[in-house]
Amino acid sequence: MIISDGQWRETRDAMLRAGDGFAELLDAAPDPAARATRSWSVAQTAAHMVSLAWACETMVEPGAAARDAALERQLRATQVDTVRDFNDLLLRRYVLERDLAPLADRLREHVRVVLRATDGRDPTEAVDWLGESRLPLGGLLAHLTNELLIHGWDIARAGSLPWRIPPRDAGLFIELFLAGVTSYGYGALLDGTAPPPPRRIAVQFRSRHTSPVTMVLDGTGRHPGNRGRVTIAEPGPGDDVRLSFHPPTLNLVLFGRMSRLRAALTGQLVVRGPRPWLLPAFLRTVHMPDN
């Protein structure tokens, strides 16, 4: 996988913007107890993001921040449908603070520690992630950026506050994280998801804010873990589905914040191609955690 110097700078700048913006949102939030997601209040969502930033810090600087045996086991065992268990363990054991001001300060510091630790490093360097998967360093930062943007959206809605998800920053999630973890090895992340149909499904992701990429779900043979195998391919005219998307909208859909119908009606998610009806089957296997 190639990550240019320009993409690396964009990714680092995007994470810094998202971290500072999220912390400023916490400073402005009127009610820490307001419901931000189905499971978490504003304060719990803030603590969740601090715990993820801390976990990211341990991944870019192994040994710098201690992870105990329970967390190591949970990290290795996590699949896409059990990410909630990993998140709950982090909240119970590593971030007990629920006051927004200290959480905002901690978030700013963790983000800066990650940026300092990765300064001058190769963005294609492989790092360990959930479920014994691997991803490039650039993909790790893109993932944390997306988490900040999505959960910032949650908190902004809860407090009737303004929040903007920049399209290019959101696009890094597809371009560097999703393509990266697929290319480097997604380990056991998709084990336990719905088995794919016994055929090959190629979905092309295309946006004016990202480089086009095709993800291929191959359910034609027996593969370790899940019965399908997901790979990255060059976009081509034979792709089954061509998904044109606005990156903030696609990410909100993938993480259950917006319905596919609403996204389609706004014109910010357009499904074309010779076999568009295969997209739901693809997304039943290749899906994001519900958090």
Protein backbone atom coordinates (compact mmCIF):
# COMPACT_ATOMS: atom_id res chain seq x y z
CA MET A 1 0.00 0.00 0.00
CA ILE A 2 1.30 3.44 -0.92
CA ILE A 3 0.66 6.44 1.34
CA SER A 4 2.15 9.64 -0.03
CA ASP A 5 3.82 12.32 2.07
CA GLY A 6 0.84 14.54 1.27
CA GLN A 7 -1.66 11.95 2.52
CA TRP A 8 0.38 11.49 5.70
CA ARG A 9 0.37 15.23 6.38
CA GLU A 10 -3.37 15.36 5.65
CA THR A 11 -4.01 12.50 8.05
CA ARG A 12 -2.00 14.02 10.88
CA ASP A 13 -3.60 17.44 10.38
CA ALA A 14 -7.07 15.85 10.26
CA MET A 15 -6.53 14.01 13.54
CA LEU A 16 -5.30 17.15 15.27
CA ARG A 17 -8.31 19.13 13.99
CA ALA A 18 -10.74 16.42 15.02
CA GLY A 19 -9.17 16.05 18.47
CA ASP A 20 -9.16 19.77 19.19
CA GLY A 21 -12.66 20.19 17.79
CA PHE A 22 -13.97 17.32 19.92
CA ALA A 23 -12.36 18.79 23.06
CA GLU A 24 -13.90 22.20 22.31
CA LEU A 25 -17.26 20.48 21.87
CA LEU A 26 -16.92 19.00 25.36
CA ASP A 27 -16.15 22.45 26.75
CA ALA A 28 -19.41 23.71 25.22
CA ALA A 29 -21.68 20.73 25.96
CA PRO A 30 -24.55 21.91 28.20
CA ASP A 31 -25.53 18.58 29.78
CA PRO A 32 -23.04 15.73 30.40
CA ALA A 33 -25.92 13.40 31.23
CA ALA A 34 -27.75 13.94 27.93
CA ARG A 35 -28.11 10.83 25.77
CA ALA A 36 -25.56 10.88 22.92
CA THR A 37 -25.95 7.31 21.61
CA ARG A 38 -28.34 4.48 22.37
CA SER A 39 -26.04 3.30 25.17
CA TRP A 40 -23.96 6.28 26.27
CA SER A 41 -24.43 9.74 27.70
CA VAL A 42 -22.33 12.69 26.53
CA ALA A 43 -19.92 12.05 29.43
CA GLN A 44 -19.63 8.34 28.65
CA THR A 45 -19.06 9.08 24.97
CA ALA A 46 -16.31 11.53 25.90
CA ALA A 47 -14.70 8.90 28.14
CA HIS A 48 -14.97 6.37 25.31
CA MET A 49 -13.02 8.67 23.00
CA VAL A 50 -10.35 9.29 25.65
CA SER A 51 -10.01 5.52 26.08
CA LEU A 52 -9.65 4.99 22.32
CA ALA A 53 -7.03 7.71 22.07
CA TRP A 54 -5.15 6.07 24.95
CA ALA A 55 -5.41 2.67 23.26
CA CYS A 56 -4.09 4.21 20.04
CA GLU A 57 -1.17 5.59 22.05
CA THR A 58 -0.32 2.08 23.28
CA MET A 59 -0.37 0.81 19.70
CA VAL A 60 2.04 3.40 18.32
CA GLU A 61 4.33 3.16 21.36
CA PRO A 62 4.18 -0.44 22.62
CA GLY A 63 5.34 -0.58 26.22
CA ALA A 64 4.95 3.14 26.83
CA ALA A 65 1.50 2.67 28.41
CA ALA A 66 0.79 -0.62 30.14
CA ARG A 67 -2.01 -2.87 28.88
CA ASP A 68 -2.88 -5.60 31.35
CA ALA A 69 -3.51 -9.24 30.45
CA ALA A 70 -7.30 -8.84 30.36
CA LEU A 71 -7.10 -6.06 27.81
CA GLU A 72 -4.54 -7.95 25.73
CA ARG A 73 -6.86 -10.97 25.58
CA GLN A 74 -9.88 -8.84 24.68
CA LEU A 75 -7.93 -6.96 22.02
CA ARG A 76 -6.82 -10.18 20.32
CA ALA A 77 -10.27 -11.81 20.58
CA THR A 78 -12.31 -8.84 19.30
CA GLN A 79 -14.43 -9.29 16.18
CA VAL A 80 -16.46 -6.62 14.43
CA ASP A 81 -19.60 -7.67 16.31
CA THR A 82 -17.87 -7.75 19.72
CA VAL A 83 -16.17 -4.34 19.56
CA ARG A 84 -18.67 -3.19 22.18
CA ASP A 85 -17.09 -5.61 24.69
CA PHE A 86 -13.66 -4.12 24.01
CA ASN A 87 -15.04 -0.59 24.43
CA ASP A 88 -16.81 -1.50 27.68
CA LEU A 89 -13.63 -3.01 29.12
CA LEU A 90 -11.71 0.17 28.32
CA LEU A 91 -14.36 2.29 30.03
CA ARG A 92 -14.51 0.09 33.14
CA ARG A 93 -10.79 -0.28 33.63
CA TYR A 94 -8.88 2.60 32.05
CA VAL A 95 -10.97 5.79 31.98
CA LEU A 96 -13.06 6.27 35.11
CA GLU A 97 -13.32 10.08 34.82
CA ARG A 98 -16.71 11.44 33.74
CA ASP A 99 -16.23 15.21 34.19
CA LEU A 100 -16.03 16.81 30.77
CA ALA A 101 -13.27 19.38 31.43
CA PRO A 102 -10.64 16.82 32.56
CA LEU A 103 -11.70 14.50 29.76
CA ALA A 104 -11.19 17.27 27.20
CA ASP A 105 -7.71 17.92 28.58
CA ARG A 106 -6.82 14.22 28.52
CA LEU A 107 -8.04 13.85 24.95
CA ARG A 108 -5.92 16.77 23.74
CA GLU A 109 -2.86 15.25 25.43
CA HIS A 110 -3.38 11.71 24.08
CA VAL A 111 -3.83 13.05 20.54
CA ARG A 112 -0.60 15.02 20.83
CA VAL A 113 1.28 12.05 22.26
CA VAL A 114 0.19 9.94 19.26
CA LEU A 115 1.29 12.69 16.87
CA ARG A 116 4.66 13.07 18.58
CA ALA A 117 5.21 9.32 18.63
CA THR A 118 4.48 9.01 14.90
CA ASP A 119 6.32 12.11 13.72
CA GLY A 120 8.83 11.17 11.02
CA ARG A 121 7.73 7.53 10.84
CA ASP A 122 6.72 5.66 7.71
CA PRO A 123 2.90 5.84 7.38
CA THR A 124 2.90 2.38 5.76
CA GLU A 125 4.52 0.83 8.85
CA ALA A 126 2.37 -2.09 10.02
CA VAL A 127 0.89 -1.97 13.53
CA ASP A 128 -1.19 -4.51 15.45
CA TRP A 129 -4.90 -3.80 15.85
CA LEU A 130 -8.08 -5.53 17.01
CA GLY A 131 -8.73 -9.20 16.36
CA GLU A 132 -5.11 -9.92 15.46
CA SER A 133 -5.48 -7.68 12.43
CA ARG A 134 -2.79 -5.40 11.05
CA LEU A 135 -3.03 -1.99 9.45
CA PRO A 136 -0.74 0.81 8.32
CA LEU A 137 0.14 3.57 10.75
CA GLY A 138 -1.72 6.02 8.51
CA GLY A 139 -4.83 3.83 8.74
CA LEU A 140 -4.65 3.79 12.54
CA LEU A 141 -4.67 7.59 12.68
CA ALA A 142 -7.45 7.75 10.08
CA HIS A 143 -9.55 5.41 12.23
CA LEU A 144 -9.13 7.53 15.36
CA THR A 145 -9.99 10.64 13.33
CA ASN A 146 -13.21 9.02 12.11
CA GLU A 147 -14.17 7.98 15.65
CA LEU A 148 -13.71 11.58 16.79
CA LEU A 149 -15.81 12.87 13.89
CA ILE A 150 -18.65 10.36 14.35
CA HIS A 151 -18.86 10.71 18.13
CA GLY A 152 -18.49 14.47 17.82
CA TRP A 153 -21.60 14.31 15.65
CA ASP A 154 -23.34 12.34 18.45
CA ILE A 155 -22.46 14.88 21.14
CA ALA A 156 -23.31 17.86 18.95
CA ARG A 157 -26.77 16.44 18.30
CA ALA A 158 -27.30 15.79 22.01
CA GLY A 159 -26.39 19.38 22.88
CA SER A 160 -27.82 21.14 19.78
CA LEU A 161 -24.30 22.32 18.94
CA PRO A 162 -22.70 22.90 15.53
CA TRP A 163 -20.41 20.17 14.21
CA ARG A 164 -18.88 19.79 10.77
CA ILE A 165 -17.35 16.63 9.30
CA PRO A 166 -14.90 17.75 6.58
CA PRO A 167 -15.34 15.53 3.50
CA ARG A 168 -11.62 14.97 2.90
CA ASP A 169 -10.98 14.12 6.56
CA ALA A 170 -13.88 11.66 6.50
CA GLY A 171 -12.61 10.17 3.23
CA LEU A 172 -9.39 9.05 4.91
CA PHE A 173 -11.40 6.35 6.69
CA ILE A 174 -12.12 4.54 3.41
CA GLU A 175 -8.84 5.43 1.72
CA LEU A 176 -6.38 4.58 4.50
CA PHE A 177 -8.18 2.61 7.22
CA LEU A 178 -10.64 0.35 5.39
CA ALA A 179 -8.35 -0.27 2.44
CA GLY A 180 -5.38 -0.55 4.81
CA VAL A 181 -6.74 -3.16 7.21
CA THR A 182 -8.06 -5.19 4.26
CA SER A 183 -4.67 -5.11 2.54
CA TYR A 184 -2.55 -5.75 5.63
CA GLY A 185 -4.71 -8.53 7.06
CA TYR A 186 -7.98 -8.25 8.96
CA GLY A 187 -7.29 -11.28 11.12
CA ALA A 188 -10.42 -12.53 12.91
CA LEU A 189 -12.36 -9.25 12.62
CA LEU A 190 -14.97 -10.68 10.22
CA ASP A 191 -15.28 -14.08 11.91
CA GLY A 192 -18.82 -14.54 13.06
CA THR A 193 -20.37 -12.16 10.54
CA ALA A 194 -23.04 -13.33 8.13
CA PRO A 195 -21.64 -15.81 5.59
CA PRO A 196 -21.54 -14.30 2.11
CA PRO A 197 -23.39 -15.75 -0.87
CA PRO A 198 -21.37 -18.31 -2.84
CA ARG A 199 -20.15 -15.82 -5.41
CA ARG A 200 -17.73 -12.95 -5.94
CA ILE A 201 -19.02 -9.41 -5.21
CA ALA A 202 -16.91 -6.42 -6.27
CA VAL A 203 -17.95 -3.02 -4.88
CA GLN A 204 -16.27 0.10 -6.20
CA PHE A 205 -16.12 3.11 -3.85
CA ARG A 206 -15.82 6.41 -5.69
CA SER A 207 -15.84 9.99 -4.40
CA ARG A 208 -14.32 13.24 -5.57
CA HIS A 209 -12.65 13.47 -2.16
CA THR A 210 -10.85 10.10 -2.33
CA SER A 211 -8.96 7.82 -4.68
CA PRO A 212 -11.28 5.14 -6.11
CA VAL A 213 -10.95 1.67 -4.64
CA THR A 214 -12.71 -1.65 -5.15
CA MET A 215 -13.34 -4.15 -2.36
CA VAL A 216 -13.99 -7.73 -3.37
CA LEU A 217 -15.88 -10.22 -1.20
CA ASP A 218 -15.21 -13.74 -2.47
CA GLY A 219 -17.60 -16.34 -1.13
CA THR A 220 -16.83 -18.98 -3.75
CA GLY A 221 -14.44 -21.10 -1.65
CA ARG A 222 -13.55 -22.07 1.88
CA HIS A 223 -11.44 -19.49 3.69
CA PRO A 224 -10.15 -19.35 7.27
CA GLY A 225 -12.53 -17.91 9.85
CA ASN A 226 -15.40 -16.42 7.91
CA ARG A 227 -16.29 -18.37 4.80
CA GLY A 228 -15.59 -15.35 2.62
CA ARG A 229 -12.39 -13.50 1.85
CA VAL A 230 -12.13 -9.74 1.34
CA THR A 231 -9.43 -8.17 -0.83
CA ILE A 232 -8.61 -4.84 -2.47
CA ALA A 233 -8.59 -4.59 -6.27
CA GLU A 234 -8.15 -1.96 -8.94
CA PRO A 235 -11.51 -0.43 -9.96
CA GLY A 236 -12.74 -1.74 -13.28
CA PRO A 237 -15.77 -1.76 -15.60
CA GLY A 238 -16.69 -5.27 -14.44
CA ASP A 239 -17.30 -4.28 -10.82
CA ASP A 240 -20.76 -5.39 -9.68
CA VAL A 241 -21.58 -2.23 -7.74
CA ARG A 242 -20.37 1.36 -8.19
CA LEU A 243 -21.00 3.34 -5.03
CA SER A 244 -20.64 7.11 -5.44
CA PHE A 245 -20.53 8.74 -2.04
CA HIS A 246 -20.06 11.87 0.01
CA PRO A 247 -17.57 10.70 2.69
CA PRO A 248 -19.31 12.15 5.79
CA THR A 249 -22.61 10.65 4.65
CA LEU A 250 -21.15 7.22 3.91
CA ASN A 251 -19.44 7.07 7.30
CA LEU A 252 -22.64 8.06 9.10
CA VAL A 253 -24.48 5.31 7.21
CA LEU A 254 -21.80 2.68 7.88
CA PHE A 255 -21.93 3.43 11.61
CA GLY A 256 -25.71 3.44 11.84
CA ARG A 257 -26.22 7.19 12.28
CA MET A 258 -28.13 7.65 9.03
CA SER A 259 -30.33 5.32 7.02
CA ARG A 260 -29.33 4.26 3.52
CA LEU A 261 -32.68 5.53 2.27
CA ARG A 262 -32.13 9.02 3.69
CA ALA A 263 -28.60 9.12 2.27
CA ALA A 264 -29.89 8.06 -1.14
CA LEU A 265 -32.69 10.64 -1.11
CA THR A 266 -30.15 13.42 -0.45
CA GLY A 267 -28.15 12.30 -3.50
CA GLN A 268 -25.05 11.80 -1.35
CA LEU A 269 -25.04 8.02 -1.73
CA VAL A 270 -25.70 6.75 -5.25
CA VAL A 271 -25.65 3.04 -6.13
CA ARG A 272 -25.06 2.07 -9.75
CA GLY A 273 -23.43 -0.77 -11.66
CA PRO A 274 -24.57 -3.93 -13.43
CA ARG A 275 -25.62 -5.71 -10.20
CA PRO A 276 -26.49 -3.07 -7.56
CA TRP A 277 -28.76 -5.52 -5.72
CA LEU A 278 -25.63 -7.31 -4.43
CA LEU A 279 -24.65 -4.40 -2.16
CA PRO A 280 -26.81 -5.50 0.85
CA ALA A 281 -25.23 -8.98 0.78
CA PHE A 282 -21.77 -7.39 0.71
CA LEU A 283 -22.59 -5.12 3.66
CA ARG A 284 -23.96 -7.98 5.76
CA THR A 285 -20.41 -9.37 5.89
CA VAL A 286 -18.29 -6.24 5.45
CA HIS A 287 -19.88 -3.99 8.07
CA MET A 288 -18.83 -1.65 10.85
CA PRO A 289 -19.40 -2.14 14.59
CA ASP A 290 -22.58 -0.80 16.16
CA ASN A 291 -21.15 1.62 18.73
